[in-house]
Protein backbone atom coordinates (compact mmCIF):
# COMPACT_ATOMS: atom_id res chain seq x y z
CA MET A 1 127.92 -36.44 -40.45
CA ARG A 2 126.67 -34.45 -37.45
CA THR A 3 125.11 -31.09 -38.07
CA MET A 4 125.61 -28.18 -35.77
CA ARG A 5 122.40 -26.62 -34.47
CA LEU A 6 122.31 -22.99 -33.56
CA PRO A 7 119.93 -21.85 -30.84
CA ALA A 8 116.73 -20.61 -32.37
CA PHE A 9 115.54 -17.09 -31.70
CA SER A 10 111.96 -17.08 -30.55
CA PHE A 11 110.21 -14.01 -31.87
CA LYS A 12 107.10 -14.99 -29.96
CA ALA A 13 109.04 -15.20 -26.69
CA SER A 14 110.68 -11.83 -27.30
CA LEU A 15 107.23 -10.24 -27.53
CA GLY A 16 105.64 -12.18 -24.67
CA SER A 17 103.83 -10.11 -22.08
CA SER A 18 106.72 -10.52 -19.61
CA ALA A 19 109.54 -9.94 -22.09
CA ALA A 20 112.12 -7.23 -21.48
CA THR A 21 111.42 -6.10 -25.06
CA TRP A 22 108.33 -4.28 -23.82
CA VAL A 23 110.26 -2.45 -21.11
CA LEU A 24 112.84 -1.38 -23.67
CA LEU A 25 110.17 -0.30 -26.17
CA GLN A 26 108.26 1.56 -23.47
CA GLN A 27 111.28 3.49 -22.30
CA VAL A 28 112.64 4.27 -25.77
CA LEU A 29 109.29 5.69 -26.87
CA MET A 30 108.50 7.43 -23.58
CA ARG A 31 111.91 9.02 -23.18
CA GLY A 32 111.88 9.94 -26.84
CA LEU A 33 108.51 11.67 -26.47
CA VAL A 34 109.62 13.46 -23.31
CA ALA A 35 112.82 14.54 -25.04
CA VAL A 36 110.93 15.87 -28.05
CA LYS A 37 108.52 17.75 -25.80
CA PHE A 38 111.05 19.38 -23.48
CA LEU A 39 113.68 20.12 -26.10
CA ALA A 40 111.18 21.57 -28.57
CA ILE A 41 109.39 23.61 -25.91
CA GLY A 42 112.74 24.68 -24.48
CA ARG A 43 113.82 25.99 -27.87
CA ILE A 44 110.48 27.79 -28.32
CA LEU A 45 110.24 29.35 -24.86
CA GLY A 46 113.84 29.82 -23.70
CA PRO A 47 115.55 29.28 -20.30
CA GLU A 48 113.35 31.56 -18.15
CA ALA A 49 110.06 29.80 -18.97
CA ILE A 50 111.65 26.39 -18.43
CA GLY A 51 113.00 27.68 -15.11
CA SER A 52 109.49 28.67 -13.99
CA VAL A 53 108.11 25.24 -14.87
CA SER A 54 111.08 23.65 -13.08
CA VAL A 55 110.15 25.42 -9.86
CA ALA A 56 106.58 24.12 -10.11
CA LEU A 57 107.76 20.56 -10.75
CA LEU A 58 110.35 20.97 -7.98
CA ALA A 59 107.55 21.73 -5.53
CA VAL A 60 105.71 18.56 -6.60
CA ALA A 61 108.87 16.45 -6.28
CA ILE A 62 109.57 17.76 -2.78
CA ALA A 63 106.02 17.14 -1.57
CA GLU A 64 105.85 13.63 -3.06
CA ALA A 65 109.23 12.64 -1.63
CA LEU A 66 108.37 13.86 1.87
CA SER A 67 105.15 11.81 1.83
CA ASP A 68 106.35 8.70 -0.02
CA THR A 69 104.68 5.66 1.55
CA GLY A 70 106.80 3.04 -0.24
CA LEU A 71 103.63 0.97 -0.69
CA SER A 72 104.08 0.47 -4.44
CA GLN A 73 107.51 -1.14 -3.97
CA ALA A 74 106.24 -3.17 -1.00
CA VAL A 75 103.40 -4.63 -3.10
CA ILE A 76 105.86 -5.63 -5.84
CA GLN A 77 108.44 -7.12 -3.45
CA GLY A 78 106.08 -8.93 -1.05
CA GLN A 79 106.00 -12.70 -0.93
CA ALA A 80 102.22 -12.95 -1.37
CA ALA A 81 100.04 -11.06 -3.85
CA PRO A 82 97.75 -8.47 -2.18
CA THR A 83 94.05 -9.19 -1.72
CA ARG A 84 91.34 -6.81 -2.97
CA ASP A 85 90.83 -5.50 0.56
CA GLU A 86 94.54 -4.84 0.93
CA LEU A 87 94.53 -3.02 -2.40
CA GLY A 88 91.61 -0.97 -1.11
CA ALA A 89 93.69 0.11 1.87
CA VAL A 90 96.61 0.92 -0.43
CA TRP A 91 94.32 3.06 -2.62
CA THR A 92 92.88 4.88 0.40
CA THR A 93 96.37 5.71 1.62
CA LEU A 94 97.68 6.88 -1.75
CA ALA A 95 94.55 8.86 -2.65
CA SER A 96 94.58 10.64 0.71
CA ARG A 97 98.25 11.43 0.21
CA GLY A 98 97.51 12.93 -3.21
CA VAL A 99 94.74 15.15 -1.82
CA LEU A 100 96.94 16.40 1.03
CA ILE A 101 99.89 17.12 -1.27
CA GLY A 102 97.67 19.02 -3.69
CA ALA A 103 96.16 21.14 -0.91
CA ALA A 104 99.60 21.89 0.54
CA LEU A 105 100.97 22.98 -2.84
CA VAL A 106 98.05 25.36 -3.43
CA ALA A 107 98.52 26.87 0.03
CA LEU A 108 102.30 27.29 -0.34
CA ALA A 109 102.24 28.60 -3.92
CA PRO A 110 102.37 32.32 -2.94
CA ILE A 111 105.43 31.74 -0.75
CA MET A 112 107.28 29.83 -3.46
CA ASN A 113 106.33 32.45 -6.04
CA SER A 114 108.07 35.16 -4.02
CA GLN A 115 111.03 33.09 -2.84
CA PHE A 116 112.01 31.97 -6.35
CA HIS A 117 111.40 35.37 -7.98
CA LEU A 118 108.80 34.04 -10.43
CA GLY A 119 106.73 37.19 -10.78
CA GLY A 120 103.30 36.26 -12.15
CA ALA A 121 103.65 32.47 -12.04
CA LEU A 122 101.33 31.88 -9.06
CA LEU A 123 98.71 30.07 -11.15
CA LEU A 124 101.45 27.89 -12.67
CA LEU A 125 102.46 26.68 -9.21
CA GLN A 126 98.87 26.02 -8.20
CA LEU A 127 98.19 24.14 -11.42
CA ALA A 128 101.00 21.72 -10.57
CA ALA A 129 98.96 20.58 -7.54
CA LEU A 130 96.77 18.50 -9.88
CA LEU A 131 99.64 16.13 -10.69
CA PRO A 132 99.99 14.40 -7.27
CA LEU A 133 96.19 14.27 -6.98
CA LEU A 134 95.83 12.44 -10.30
CA ARG A 135 98.65 10.03 -9.42
CA GLY A 136 97.17 9.34 -6.01
CA VAL A 137 93.73 8.28 -7.25
CA ALA A 138 95.12 5.84 -9.85
CA SER A 139 94.31 2.17 -9.30
CA PRO A 140 96.92 0.24 -7.26
CA ALA A 141 96.25 -2.68 -9.61
CA TYR A 142 99.05 -1.02 -11.59
CA TYR A 143 101.54 -2.34 -9.01
CA VAL A 144 100.04 -5.83 -9.19
CA VAL A 145 100.53 -5.78 -12.97
CA GLN A 146 104.18 -4.83 -12.41
CA ARG A 147 104.56 -7.52 -9.75
CA ASP A 148 103.21 -10.12 -12.18
CA ARG A 149 105.69 -8.83 -14.78
CA ARG A 150 102.99 -8.01 -17.33
CA PHE A 151 105.28 -5.51 -18.98
CA GLN A 152 103.31 -5.39 -22.23
CA HIS A 153 100.29 -4.03 -20.41
CA VAL A 154 102.34 -1.46 -18.51
CA ALA A 155 104.10 -0.36 -21.70
CA LEU A 156 100.88 0.28 -23.62
CA VAL A 157 99.45 2.40 -20.80
CA GLU A 158 102.65 4.42 -20.26
CA ILE A 159 103.28 5.01 -23.97
CA SER A 160 99.69 6.17 -24.52
CA ALA A 161 99.95 8.68 -21.67
CA ALA A 162 103.36 9.96 -22.84
CA PHE A 163 102.11 10.38 -26.42
CA VAL A 164 99.10 12.42 -25.32
CA ASP A 165 101.30 14.50 -22.98
CA CYS A 166 103.76 15.29 -25.79
CA CYS A 167 101.10 16.16 -28.37
CA PHE A 168 99.12 18.43 -26.05
CA GLY A 169 102.22 20.13 -24.70
CA LEU A 170 103.65 20.92 -28.13
CA ALA A 171 100.29 22.05 -29.51
CA LEU A 172 99.80 24.44 -26.59
CA ALA A 173 103.37 25.78 -26.85
CA LEU A 174 102.92 26.51 -30.56
CA ALA A 175 99.56 28.15 -29.77
CA GLY A 176 101.28 30.57 -27.37
CA ALA A 177 100.41 29.03 -23.99
CA GLY A 178 103.96 29.61 -22.74
CA ALA A 179 105.18 27.78 -19.65
CA TYR A 180 101.65 26.47 -19.00
CA SER A 181 101.95 24.19 -22.03
CA VAL A 182 104.37 21.88 -20.19
CA LEU A 183 102.13 21.41 -17.14
CA LEU A 184 98.88 21.16 -19.06
CA GLY A 185 100.33 18.43 -21.26
CA MET A 186 101.45 16.52 -18.17
CA ILE A 187 98.02 16.87 -16.55
CA VAL A 188 96.22 15.50 -19.61
CA GLY A 189 98.72 12.61 -19.84
CA GLU A 190 98.37 11.74 -16.13
CA SER A 191 94.57 11.87 -16.44
CA LEU A 192 94.65 9.32 -19.25
CA LYS A 193 97.06 7.06 -17.35
CA THR A 194 94.89 7.13 -14.22
CA ALA A 195 91.79 6.32 -16.26
CA LEU A 196 93.51 3.41 -17.99
CA THR A 197 94.64 1.87 -14.68
CA TRP A 198 90.99 1.59 -13.66
CA ILE A 199 89.61 0.58 -17.05
CA THR A 200 92.19 -2.02 -18.13
CA MET A 201 93.84 -3.40 -14.97
CA ASN A 202 92.70 -6.01 -12.46
CA PRO A 203 92.04 -6.71 -9.67
CA ARG A 204 90.20 -3.44 -9.10
CA PRO A 205 90.20 -2.40 -5.44
CA PRO A 206 86.95 -1.44 -3.71
CA ILE A 207 86.51 2.34 -3.74
CA ARG A 208 85.85 2.94 -0.06
CA LEU A 209 87.89 4.27 2.82
CA ARG A 210 89.87 1.46 4.42
CA TRP A 211 93.00 1.97 6.49
CA SER A 212 93.72 -1.46 7.97
CA GLY A 213 95.23 -4.62 6.52
CA ILE A 214 98.56 -3.36 5.14
CA GLY A 215 100.63 -3.29 8.33
CA HIS A 216 102.85 -6.07 6.97
CA TYR A 217 104.07 -3.69 4.26
CA ILE A 218 105.30 -1.09 6.74
CA GLY A 219 108.59 -2.81 7.66
CA PHE A 220 109.74 -2.69 4.04
CA SER A 221 108.09 0.55 3.01
CA ARG A 222 109.49 2.62 5.88
CA TRP A 223 112.97 2.26 4.39
CA ILE A 224 111.58 3.33 1.03
CA TRP A 225 110.14 6.44 2.69
CA ALA A 226 113.41 7.18 4.48
CA GLY A 227 115.28 6.74 1.22
CA SER A 228 112.86 9.09 -0.55
CA VAL A 229 113.37 11.82 2.05
CA VAL A 230 117.14 11.54 1.80
CA ASN A 231 117.00 11.40 -1.99
CA LEU A 232 114.89 14.55 -1.87
CA VAL A 233 117.87 16.38 -0.40
CA LEU A 234 120.22 14.77 -2.90
CA ASN A 235 118.14 15.36 -6.03
CA GLN A 236 116.60 18.76 -5.31
CA PHE A 237 119.15 20.54 -3.10
CA ASP A 238 121.18 21.89 -6.00
CA LYS A 239 118.08 23.08 -7.87
CA VAL A 240 116.75 24.90 -4.80
CA VAL A 241 120.08 26.69 -4.35
CA VAL A 242 120.34 27.71 -8.01
CA GLY A 243 116.69 28.80 -8.23
CA LYS A 244 116.80 30.75 -4.96
CA LEU A 245 120.11 32.53 -5.57
CA LEU A 246 120.14 33.01 -9.35
CA GLY A 247 116.50 33.07 -10.46
CA PRO A 248 114.45 31.16 -13.07
CA ALA A 249 116.68 31.89 -16.12
CA GLN A 250 119.77 30.33 -14.55
CA LEU A 251 117.70 27.50 -13.11
CA GLY A 252 116.33 26.83 -16.59
CA ALA A 253 119.84 26.47 -18.04
CA TYR A 254 120.93 24.31 -15.12
CA GLN A 255 117.83 22.14 -15.30
CA MET A 256 117.95 21.66 -19.07
CA SER A 257 121.59 20.53 -19.05
CA SER A 258 120.79 18.10 -16.25
CA ARG A 259 117.62 16.91 -17.99
CA LEU A 260 119.38 16.36 -21.30
CA ALA A 261 122.12 14.32 -19.63
CA GLN A 262 119.47 12.32 -17.82
CA MET A 263 117.56 11.62 -21.03
CA LEU A 264 120.69 10.40 -22.78
CA LEU A 265 122.09 8.31 -19.92
CA ALA A 266 120.24 7.72 -16.66
CA ASP A 267 116.74 7.27 -18.09
CA ALA A 268 117.73 4.07 -19.88
CA ALA A 269 119.01 2.46 -16.68
CA ILE A 270 116.09 3.77 -14.62
CA ALA A 271 113.83 2.30 -17.29
CA MET A 272 115.59 -1.04 -17.08
CA SER A 273 115.18 -0.97 -13.29
CA GLN A 274 111.41 -1.17 -13.85
CA TYR A 275 112.08 -4.53 -15.47
CA LEU A 276 114.96 -5.57 -13.21
CA PHE A 277 113.31 -4.95 -9.83
CA PRO A 278 110.35 -7.34 -10.30
CA THR A 279 112.55 -9.72 -12.28
CA PHE A 280 115.27 -9.87 -9.61
CA ALA A 281 112.57 -10.23 -6.94
CA ALA A 282 110.91 -13.13 -8.78
CA ARG A 283 114.24 -14.87 -9.41
CA HIS A 284 115.32 -14.35 -5.80
CA ARG A 285 112.11 -15.89 -4.50
CA ALA A 286 112.75 -18.95 -6.66
CA ASP A 287 116.56 -19.24 -6.39
CA PRO A 288 118.89 -16.52 -4.97
CA LYS A 289 121.88 -17.87 -6.93
CA VAL A 290 120.05 -17.41 -10.24
CA ALA A 291 119.18 -13.83 -9.26
CA ALA A 292 122.83 -13.14 -8.39
CA ARG A 293 124.07 -14.44 -11.75
CA LEU A 294 121.49 -12.34 -13.57
CA PHE A 295 122.57 -9.25 -11.64
CA ARG A 296 126.26 -9.74 -12.48
CA ARG A 297 125.41 -10.06 -16.15
CA TYR A 298 123.35 -6.86 -16.29
CA ILE A 299 125.69 -4.71 -14.21
CA GLY A 300 128.67 -5.65 -16.39
CA LEU A 301 126.95 -4.89 -19.68
CA ILE A 302 125.48 -1.62 -18.45
CA ALA A 303 128.80 -0.39 -17.00
CA LEU A 304 130.61 -1.05 -20.27
CA GLY A 305 127.98 0.75 -22.32
CA LEU A 306 127.99 3.77 -19.99
CA VAL A 307 131.73 4.32 -20.36
CA VAL A 308 131.39 4.54 -24.16
CA VAL A 309 128.37 6.84 -24.05
CA VAL A 310 129.97 9.26 -21.55
CA ILE A 311 133.05 9.70 -23.73
CA VAL A 312 130.99 10.35 -26.86
CA LEU A 313 128.63 12.84 -25.18
CA ARG A 314 131.43 14.89 -23.61
CA LEU A 315 133.15 15.21 -26.98
CA ALA A 316 129.94 16.17 -28.79
CA ALA A 317 128.44 18.45 -26.10
CA HIS A 318 128.89 21.82 -27.83
CA LEU A 319 127.57 20.57 -31.16
CA LEU A 320 124.66 18.85 -29.42
CA PHE A 321 123.48 22.01 -27.69
CA SER A 322 123.92 24.13 -30.81
CA LEU A 323 121.84 21.83 -32.98
CA ILE A 324 119.10 20.89 -30.52
CA LEU A 325 118.55 23.92 -28.29
CA GLY A 326 120.21 26.83 -30.05
CA PRO A 327 122.78 29.49 -29.04
CA ALA A 328 120.80 30.69 -26.00
CA TRP A 329 121.61 27.43 -24.21
CA LEU A 330 125.38 27.24 -24.90
CA PRO A 331 126.39 28.53 -21.42
CA ALA A 332 125.03 25.24 -20.05
CA VAL A 333 127.57 23.09 -21.95
CA PRO A 334 130.21 22.92 -19.14
CA LEU A 335 127.54 21.79 -16.70
CA PHE A 336 126.30 19.19 -19.17
CA LYS A 337 129.78 17.64 -19.35
CA ILE A 338 129.71 17.15 -15.58
CA PHE A 339 126.15 15.91 -15.56
CA VAL A 340 126.86 13.10 -18.03
CA ILE A 341 129.32 11.68 -15.49
CA ASN A 342 126.80 12.11 -12.68
CA MET A 343 124.05 10.44 -14.68
CA ALA A 344 126.28 7.51 -15.60
CA ILE A 345 126.97 6.88 -11.92
CA GLY A 346 123.26 7.30 -11.25
CA ALA A 347 122.51 4.67 -13.89
CA LEU A 348 124.72 2.15 -12.11
CA ILE A 349 123.06 3.06 -8.81
CA ALA A 350 119.63 2.36 -10.35
CA VAL A 351 120.69 -1.22 -11.10
CA LEU A 352 122.21 -1.68 -7.64
CA VAL A 353 119.04 -0.34 -6.00
CA SER A 354 116.87 -2.74 -8.02
CA TYR A 355 118.85 -5.75 -6.82
CA LEU A 356 119.17 -4.67 -3.18
CA ARG A 357 115.45 -3.96 -2.91
CA ALA A 358 114.62 -7.21 -4.68
CA VAL A 359 116.54 -9.21 -2.06
CA GLY A 360 114.89 -7.24 0.75
CA ASP A 361 117.84 -5.00 1.66
CA ALA A 362 116.13 -1.62 1.17
CA LYS A 363 118.04 -0.43 4.24
CA ALA A 364 121.32 -0.44 2.29
CA THR A 365 119.99 1.98 -0.33
CA THR A 366 118.89 4.41 2.38
CA GLN A 367 122.28 4.16 4.06
CA ALA A 368 123.95 4.96 0.75
CA SER A 369 121.78 8.05 0.38
CA VAL A 370 122.73 9.19 3.90
CA ILE A 371 126.40 8.81 3.01
CA GLN A 372 125.81 10.93 -0.07
CA VAL A 373 124.13 13.65 2.03
CA ILE A 374 127.08 13.73 4.43
CA VAL A 375 129.52 14.11 1.55
CA LEU A 376 127.45 16.94 0.06
CA LEU A 377 127.20 18.79 3.36
CA ALA A 378 130.96 18.60 3.73
CA CYS A 379 131.86 19.48 0.13
CA VAL A 380 129.23 21.87 -1.20
CA PRO A 381 130.12 24.97 0.90
CA PRO A 382 133.83 25.10 -0.10
CA ALA A 383 133.10 23.92 -3.66
CA THR A 384 130.47 26.63 -4.11
CA HIS A 385 132.83 29.27 -2.69
CA TYR A 386 135.64 28.45 -5.10
CA TRP A 387 133.81 27.22 -8.23
CA GLY A 388 130.18 28.33 -7.94
CA VAL A 389 127.52 26.21 -9.63
CA THR A 390 130.19 24.04 -11.25
CA GLY A 391 131.50 23.23 -7.78
CA ILE A 392 128.04 22.04 -6.72
CA ALA A 393 127.92 19.73 -9.75
CA TRP A 394 131.33 18.21 -8.94
CA ALA A 395 130.34 17.79 -5.28
CA MET A 396 127.33 15.82 -6.50
CA THR A 397 129.71 13.62 -8.50
CA LEU A 398 131.72 12.80 -5.38
CA GLY A 399 128.59 12.08 -3.37
CA LEU A 400 127.18 9.77 -6.03
CA SER A 401 130.48 7.89 -6.22
CA CYS A 402 130.53 7.29 -2.46
CA ALA A 403 126.92 6.07 -2.51
CA ALA A 404 127.62 3.71 -5.41
CA MET A 405 130.64 2.26 -3.64
CA TRP A 406 128.63 1.57 -0.48
CA MET A 407 125.87 -0.20 -2.42
CA ALA A 408 128.44 -2.20 -4.36
CA TYR A 409 129.93 -3.32 -1.05
CA ARG A 410 126.54 -4.37 0.32
CA THR A 411 125.72 -6.14 -2.92
CA ALA A 412 129.01 -8.06 -2.81
CA ARG A 413 128.06 -9.32 0.67
CA VAL A 414 124.75 -10.63 -0.68
CA LEU A 415 126.37 -12.25 -3.71
């Protein structure tokens, strides 16, 4: 009599250095730590303090997007692994970028302080300048580790940094450091991450100024830069409007509802994209048909899961805010219900972007972002006039939908 054999589950394979298990573990723990930090500090400090920190982080996001070189993605996507000299040129470029961003943020801090009605938060804005500097001087071997799909190594570094960030931030908030607790925790976490990239990752680049040898990355990375600039408008436009017109308290409520929706929805897909991008790229280099089948499998599963999660979160929104953040945050519930839809669409976009970049079509993602900008420019003025901040949120929904449809069309052509 024949016996039926079931496929064996390999525990060893599931914990191999390239296994998706590490990406999942990394993102669950990291997002959990970030959620604990921001939600706990938000409950302790209230909307106005969170709004002040949001302006500081907004300044960092704008500066980094405007100067994004795209070199990290180019290193991961490239056909050949970079040499030590090429990594040296990458480090020189990124470190110089970090120094310039930091100096610009310090110089512009007084202007932002007055424009966003922050009062005595000048030092807070200047303190944020340390973040791009620390990120810039990190070892570019980090991107080689991602390229080689050594996800275990990446996970241990990222989790360690997130844990230290969370612990320091909460300790400082409880000690009465106010809004500074958020930034100081991030600075300590980034410092640890930067140190670990040099201590634990190879190959280490030579620490000397070198500008040549990475011209072959420019063709790919220029589309990453263009996409970053366009995404800057898409991701920060609404926050600038709210912060400028309504002040830090309203920005805090707006930002927290958006951040909570992101934590519960988009972060998981963005996390998976860290696994999917190098995985799709590796599969595509070996066999494009295998990469296409893998993409169809992931996009189907993720879309189904997102539909369920969106329905549950919209139904439980009021209870969620009451239990986690307290009564002071309840006015943000209607915005949260819109943001969960936006973040679900953003999660699908993250998967589409991973595949399109992996097959070398970074241009399509930039085009999608341009489409989204056009939709926003056409819809935001009337939507704001009739529905205020809620109108801006719904205009973002329409723009995201148009961008997702364009990328789906370009993906279908590749498949």
